[in-house]
C-alpha atoms as a PDB file:
ATOM      1  CA  MET A   1       5.871  -1.100   0.410  1.00  0.00           C
ATOM      2  CA  GLN A   2       6.710   2.707   0.796  1.00  0.00           C
ATOM      3  CA  THR A   3       4.534   3.539  -2.217  1.00  0.00           C
ATOM      4  CA  TYR A   4       1.595   1.653  -1.065  1.00  0.00           C
ATOM      5  CA  LEU A   5       2.018   3.345   2.509  1.00  0.00           C
ATOM      6  CA  TYR A   6       2.335   6.636   0.859  1.00  0.00           C
ATOM      7  CA  ASP A   7      -0.691   5.819  -1.295  1.00  0.00           C
ATOM      8  CA  PHE A   8      -3.025   5.367   1.782  1.00  0.00           C
ATOM      9  CA  TYR A   9      -1.406   7.831   4.420  1.00  0.00           C
ATOM     10  CA  GLY A  10       0.792  10.358   2.762  1.00  0.00           C
ATOM     11  CA  GLU A  11      -2.106  12.865   2.672  1.00  0.00           C
ATOM     12  CA  LEU A  12      -1.544  12.699   6.370  1.00  0.00           C
ATOM     13  CA  LEU A  13       1.798  14.116   6.195  1.00  0.00           C
ATOM     14  CA  THR A  14       2.662  17.782   6.178  1.00  0.00           C
ATOM     15  CA  GLU A  15       3.277  19.455   3.006  1.00  0.00           C
ATOM     16  CA  HIS A  16       7.207  19.584   3.420  1.00  0.00           C
ATOM     17  CA  GLN A  17       7.037  15.988   4.202  1.00  0.00           C
ATOM     18  CA  ARG A  18       5.177  15.029   1.355  1.00  0.00           C
ATOM     19  CA  ASN A  19       7.023  16.977  -1.004  1.00  0.00           C
ATOM     20  CA  VAL A  20      10.492  15.363  -0.021  1.00  0.00           C
ATOM     21  CA  TYR A  21       9.291  12.077   0.791  1.00  0.00           C
ATOM     22  CA  GLU A  22       7.589  11.823  -3.065  1.00  0.00           C
ATOM     23  CA  ASP A  23      10.900  13.145  -4.621  1.00  0.00           C
ATOM     24  CA  PHE A  24      12.896  10.412  -2.658  1.00  0.00           C
ATOM     25  CA  VAL A  25      10.463   7.635  -2.892  1.00  0.00           C
ATOM     26  CA  LEU A  26       8.349   8.222  -6.027  1.00  0.00           C
ATOM     27  CA  ASN A  27      10.518  10.473  -7.928  1.00  0.00           C
ATOM     28  CA  ASP A  28      13.749   8.458  -7.289  1.00  0.00           C
ATOM     29  CA  PHE A  29      15.841  11.693  -6.781  1.00  0.00           C
ATOM     30  CA  SER A  30      18.876  11.693  -4.567  1.00  0.00           C
ATOM     31  CA  LEU A  31      19.492  12.843  -1.285  1.00  0.00           C
ATOM     32  CA  SER A  32      21.670  15.489  -2.867  1.00  0.00           C
ATOM     33  CA  GLU A  33      19.316  16.624  -5.402  1.00  0.00           C
ATOM     34  CA  ILE A  34      16.766  17.054  -2.878  1.00  0.00           C
ATOM     35  CA  ALA A  35      18.612  18.823  -0.258  1.00  0.00           C
ATOM     36  CA  LYS A  36      19.667  21.398  -2.854  1.00  0.00           C
ATOM     37  CA  GLU A  37      16.145  21.921  -3.836  1.00  0.00           C
ATOM     38  CA  ALA A  38      14.707  21.885  -0.326  1.00  0.00           C
ATOM     39  CA  GLY A  39      17.496  23.852   1.076  1.00  0.00           C
ATOM     40  CA  ILE A  40      18.384  21.607   3.660  1.00  0.00           C
ATOM     41  CA  SER A  41      21.419  19.366   3.969  1.00  0.00           C
ATOM     42  CA  ARG A  42      21.742  15.472   3.030  1.00  0.00           C
ATOM     43  CA  GLN A  43      21.344  14.413   6.345  1.00  0.00           C
ATOM     44  CA  GLY A  44      18.383  16.451   6.805  1.00  0.00           C
ATOM     45  CA  VAL A  45      16.686  15.169   3.635  1.00  0.00           C
ATOM     46  CA  HIS A  46      17.645  11.312   4.965  1.00  0.00           C
ATOM     47  CA  ASP A  47      16.440  11.788   8.726  1.00  0.00           C
ATOM     48  CA  LEU A  48      13.220  13.579   7.293  1.00  0.00           C
ATOM     49  CA  VAL A  49      12.339  10.389   4.867  1.00  0.00           C
ATOM     50  CA  ARG A  50      13.102   8.017   7.816  1.00  0.00           C
ATOM     51  CA  ARG A  51      11.193   9.964  10.038  1.00  0.00           C
ATOM     52  CA  CYS A  52       8.139   9.924   6.984  1.00  0.00           C
ATOM     53  CA  ASP A  53       8.593   6.091   7.107  1.00  0.00           C
ATOM     54  CA  ARG A  54       7.886   5.440  10.776  1.00  0.00           C
ATOM     55  CA  ILE A  55       5.196   8.221  10.532  1.00  0.00           C
ATOM     56  CA  LEU A  56       3.520   6.171   7.609  1.00  0.00           C
ATOM     57  CA  GLU A  57       4.085   2.767   9.290  1.00  0.00           C
ATOM     58  CA  GLY A  58       2.804   4.032  12.449  1.00  0.00           C
ATOM     59  CA  TYR A  59      -0.398   4.767  10.722  1.00  0.00           C
ATOM     60  CA  GLU A  60      -0.758   1.308   9.235  1.00  0.00           C
ATOM     61  CA  GLU A  61      -0.043  -0.341  12.714  1.00  0.00           C
ATOM     62  CA  LYS A  62      -2.991   1.477  14.147  1.00  0.00           C
ATOM     63  CA  LEU A  63      -5.362   1.574  10.911  1.00  0.00           C
ATOM     64  CA  HIS A  64      -4.407  -1.578   8.820  1.00  0.00           C
ATOM     65  CA  LEU A  65      -5.696  -0.392   5.674  1.00  0.00           C
ATOM     66  CA  LEU A  66      -2.856  -1.518   3.452  1.00  0.00           C
ATOM     67  CA  GLU A  67      -3.209  -5.092   5.077  1.00  0.00           C
ATOM     68  CA  ARG A  68      -6.778  -5.147   4.692  1.00  0.00           C
ATOM     69  CA  PHE A  69      -6.519  -3.792   1.063  1.00  0.00           C
ATOM     70  CA  LEU A  70      -3.738  -6.580   0.533  1.00  0.00           C
ATOM     71  CA  LYS A  71      -5.899  -9.191   1.529  1.00  0.00           C
ATOM     72  CA  MET A  72      -8.628  -8.154  -0.090  1.00  0.00           C
ATOM     73  CA  LYS A  73      -6.601  -8.052  -3.529  1.00  0.00           C
ATOM     74  CA  GLY A  74      -5.498 -11.390  -2.842  1.00  0.00           C
ATOM     75  CA  GLN A  75      -9.101 -12.635  -2.635  1.00  0.00           C
ATOM     76  CA  ILE A  76     -10.220 -10.911  -5.569  1.00  0.00           C
ATOM     77  CA  THR A  77      -7.048 -12.639  -7.764  1.00  0.00           C
ATOM     78  CA  ARG A  78      -8.097 -15.858  -6.426  1.00  0.00           C
ATOM     79  CA  ILE A  79     -11.933 -15.371  -7.288  1.00  0.00           C
ATOM     80  CA  ARG A  80     -10.941 -14.247 -10.671  1.00  0.00           C
ATOM     81  CA  THR A  81      -8.690 -17.305 -11.071  1.00  0.00           C
ATOM     82  CA  LEU A  82     -11.335 -19.855  -9.813  1.00  0.00           C
ATOM     83  CA  ALA A  83     -14.098 -18.053 -12.236  1.00  0.00           C
ATOM     84  CA  GLN A  84     -11.950 -18.077 -14.955  1.00  0.00           C
ATOM     85  CA  GLY A  85     -11.193 -22.236 -14.393  1.00  0.00           C
ATOM     86  CA  TYR A  86     -14.706 -22.843 -13.971  1.00  0.00           C
ATOM     87  CA  HIS A  87     -16.243 -25.885 -16.194  1.00  0.00           C
ATOM     88  CA  GLY A  88     -19.178 -27.709 -15.551  1.00  0.00           C
ATOM     89  CA  GLN A  89     -19.285 -30.088 -12.574  1.00  0.00           C
ATOM     90  CA  ALA A  90     -15.629 -29.767 -11.977  1.00  0.00           C
ATOM     91  CA  GLY A  91     -16.318 -26.205 -11.105  1.00  0.00           C
ATOM     92  CA  ASP A  92     -18.761 -27.005  -8.270  1.00  0.00           C
ATOM     93  CA  GLY A  93     -15.737 -26.787  -5.947  1.00  0.00           C
ATOM     94  CA  ALA A  94     -14.598 -23.561  -7.539  1.00  0.00           C
ATOM     95  CA  MET A  95     -18.276 -22.425  -6.939  1.00  0.00           C
ATOM     96  CA  GLU A  96     -17.791 -23.272  -3.122  1.00  0.00           C
ATOM     97  CA  GLU A  97     -14.755 -21.839  -2.802  1.00  0.00           C
ATOM     98  CA  ILE A  98     -16.024 -18.371  -4.371  1.00  0.00           C
ATOM     99  CA  ALA A  99     -18.808 -18.235  -2.338  1.00  0.00           C
ATOM    100  CA  ALA A 100     -16.879 -18.885   0.864  1.00  0.00           C
ATOM    101  CA  ILE A 101     -13.903 -16.233  -0.240  1.00  0.00           C
ATOM    102  CA  SER A 102     -16.860 -13.676  -1.091  1.00  0.00           C
ATOM    103  CA  ASP A 103     -18.629 -14.079   2.413  1.00  0.00           C
ATOM    104  CA  GLU A 104     -15.315 -13.484   4.130  1.00  0.00           C
ATOM    105  CA  MET A 105     -14.695 -10.508   2.194  1.00  0.00           C
ATOM    106  CA  LEU A 106     -18.178  -9.406   3.166  1.00  0.00           C
ATOM    107  CA  LYS A 107     -17.889  -9.853   6.843  1.00  0.00           C
ATOM    108  CA  GLU A 108     -14.780  -7.574   6.533  1.00  0.00           C
ATOM    109  CA  LEU A 109     -16.994  -4.732   5.038  1.00  0.00           C
END
Protein backbone atom coordinates (compact mmCIF):
# COMPACT_ATOMS: atom_id res chain seq x y z
CA MET A 1 0.00 0.00 0.00
CA GLN A 2 2.89 2.36 0.80
CA THR A 3 4.21 1.95 -2.73
CA TYR A 4 0.86 2.82 -4.29
CA LEU A 5 0.49 5.88 -2.06
CA TYR A 6 3.99 6.97 -2.99
CA ASP A 7 3.27 6.45 -6.70
CA PHE A 8 0.24 8.70 -6.49
CA TYR A 9 1.40 11.38 -4.06
CA GLY A 10 5.17 11.08 -3.70
CA GLU A 11 5.88 14.15 -5.80
CA LEU A 12 4.11 16.21 -3.15
CA LEU A 13 6.81 15.38 -0.58
CA THR A 14 9.95 17.46 -0.26
CA GLU A 15 13.07 16.19 -2.03
CA HIS A 16 14.61 15.13 1.29
CA GLN A 17 11.43 13.28 2.30
CA ARG A 18 11.27 11.57 -1.10
CA ASN A 19 14.90 10.44 -0.93
CA VAL A 20 14.57 8.94 2.54
CA TYR A 21 11.16 7.40 1.83
CA GLU A 22 12.31 5.87 -1.46
CA ASP A 23 15.36 4.36 0.21
CA PHE A 24 13.27 2.82 2.97
CA VAL A 25 10.14 1.73 1.08
CA LEU A 26 11.29 1.16 -2.49
CA ASN A 27 14.97 0.31 -2.11
CA ASP A 28 14.55 -1.65 1.15
CA PHE A 29 17.50 0.04 2.87
CA SER A 30 17.77 -0.30 6.64
CA LEU A 31 17.23 2.65 8.96
CA SER A 32 20.95 2.54 9.77
CA GLU A 33 21.96 2.67 6.11
CA ILE A 34 19.68 5.60 5.42
CA ALA A 35 20.75 7.42 8.59
CA LYS A 36 24.40 7.11 7.65
CA GLU A 37 23.76 8.33 4.08
CA ALA A 38 21.51 11.23 5.14
CA GLY A 39 23.58 12.24 8.16
CA ILE A 40 20.72 11.86 10.64
CA SER A 41 19.93 9.42 13.43
CA ARG A 42 18.10 6.12 13.00
CA GLN A 43 15.27 7.59 15.06
CA GLY A 44 15.21 10.61 12.75
CA VAL A 45 14.83 8.32 9.74
CA HIS A 46 12.11 6.32 11.49
CA ASP A 47 10.21 9.48 12.42
CA LEU A 48 10.55 10.89 8.89
CA VAL A 49 9.25 7.69 7.28
CA ARG A 50 6.25 7.61 9.64
CA ARG A 51 5.59 11.30 9.00
CA CYS A 52 5.69 10.66 5.25
CA ASP A 53 3.25 7.77 5.69
CA ARG A 54 0.84 10.09 7.50
CA ILE A 55 1.25 12.80 4.86
CA LEU A 56 0.59 10.38 2.00
CA GLU A 57 -2.39 8.85 3.80
CA GLY A 58 -3.73 12.35 4.42
CA TYR A 59 -3.60 13.13 0.71
CA GLU A 60 -5.47 9.90 -0.02
CA GLU A 61 -8.13 10.72 2.60
CA LYS A 62 -8.75 14.02 0.84
CA LEU A 63 -8.35 13.05 -2.82
CA HIS A 64 -9.21 9.32 -2.99
CA LEU A 65 -7.10 8.83 -6.13
CA LEU A 66 -5.77 5.44 -5.06
CA GLU A 67 -9.21 4.24 -4.02
CA ARG A 68 -10.66 5.17 -7.41
CA PHE A 69 -7.69 3.63 -9.22
CA LEU A 70 -8.06 0.31 -7.39
CA LYS A 71 -11.82 0.26 -8.00
CA MET A 72 -11.33 0.95 -11.70
CA LYS A 73 -8.61 -1.69 -11.91
CA GLY A 74 -11.02 -4.23 -10.43
CA GLN A 75 -13.74 -3.23 -12.87
CA ILE A 76 -11.40 -3.53 -15.85
CA THR A 77 -10.24 -6.93 -14.62
CA ARG A 78 -13.88 -8.05 -14.38
CA ILE A 79 -14.61 -6.77 -17.90
CA ARG A 80 -11.59 -8.65 -19.22
CA THR A 81 -12.71 -11.86 -17.49
CA LEU A 82 -16.23 -11.52 -18.89
CA ALA A 83 -14.94 -10.78 -22.39
CA GLN A 84 -12.64 -13.82 -22.33
CA GLY A 85 -15.54 -16.03 -21.24
CA TYR A 86 -17.95 -14.75 -23.89
CA HIS A 87 -19.46 -17.60 -25.94
CA GLY A 88 -22.64 -17.07 -27.98
CA GLN A 89 -25.92 -16.84 -26.09
CA ALA A 90 -24.28 -17.71 -22.79
CA GLY A 91 -22.44 -14.42 -23.22
CA ASP A 92 -25.59 -12.29 -23.25
CA GLY A 93 -25.48 -11.91 -19.47
CA ALA A 94 -21.77 -11.19 -19.66
CA MET A 95 -22.37 -8.43 -22.22
CA GLU A 96 -25.04 -6.87 -20.00
CA GLU A 97 -22.63 -6.91 -17.07
CA ILE A 98 -19.87 -5.42 -19.22
CA ALA A 99 -22.24 -2.62 -20.26
CA ALA A 100 -23.23 -1.96 -16.63
CA ILE A 101 -19.61 -1.87 -15.44
CA SER A 102 -18.51 0.39 -18.27
CA ASP A 103 -21.45 2.75 -17.60
CA GLU A 104 -20.40 2.97 -13.95
CA MET A 105 -16.80 3.67 -14.96
CA LEU A 106 -17.86 6.42 -17.36
CA LYS A 107 -19.94 8.11 -14.65
CA GLU A 108 -16.85 8.28 -12.43
CA LEU A 109 -14.84 9.98 -15.15
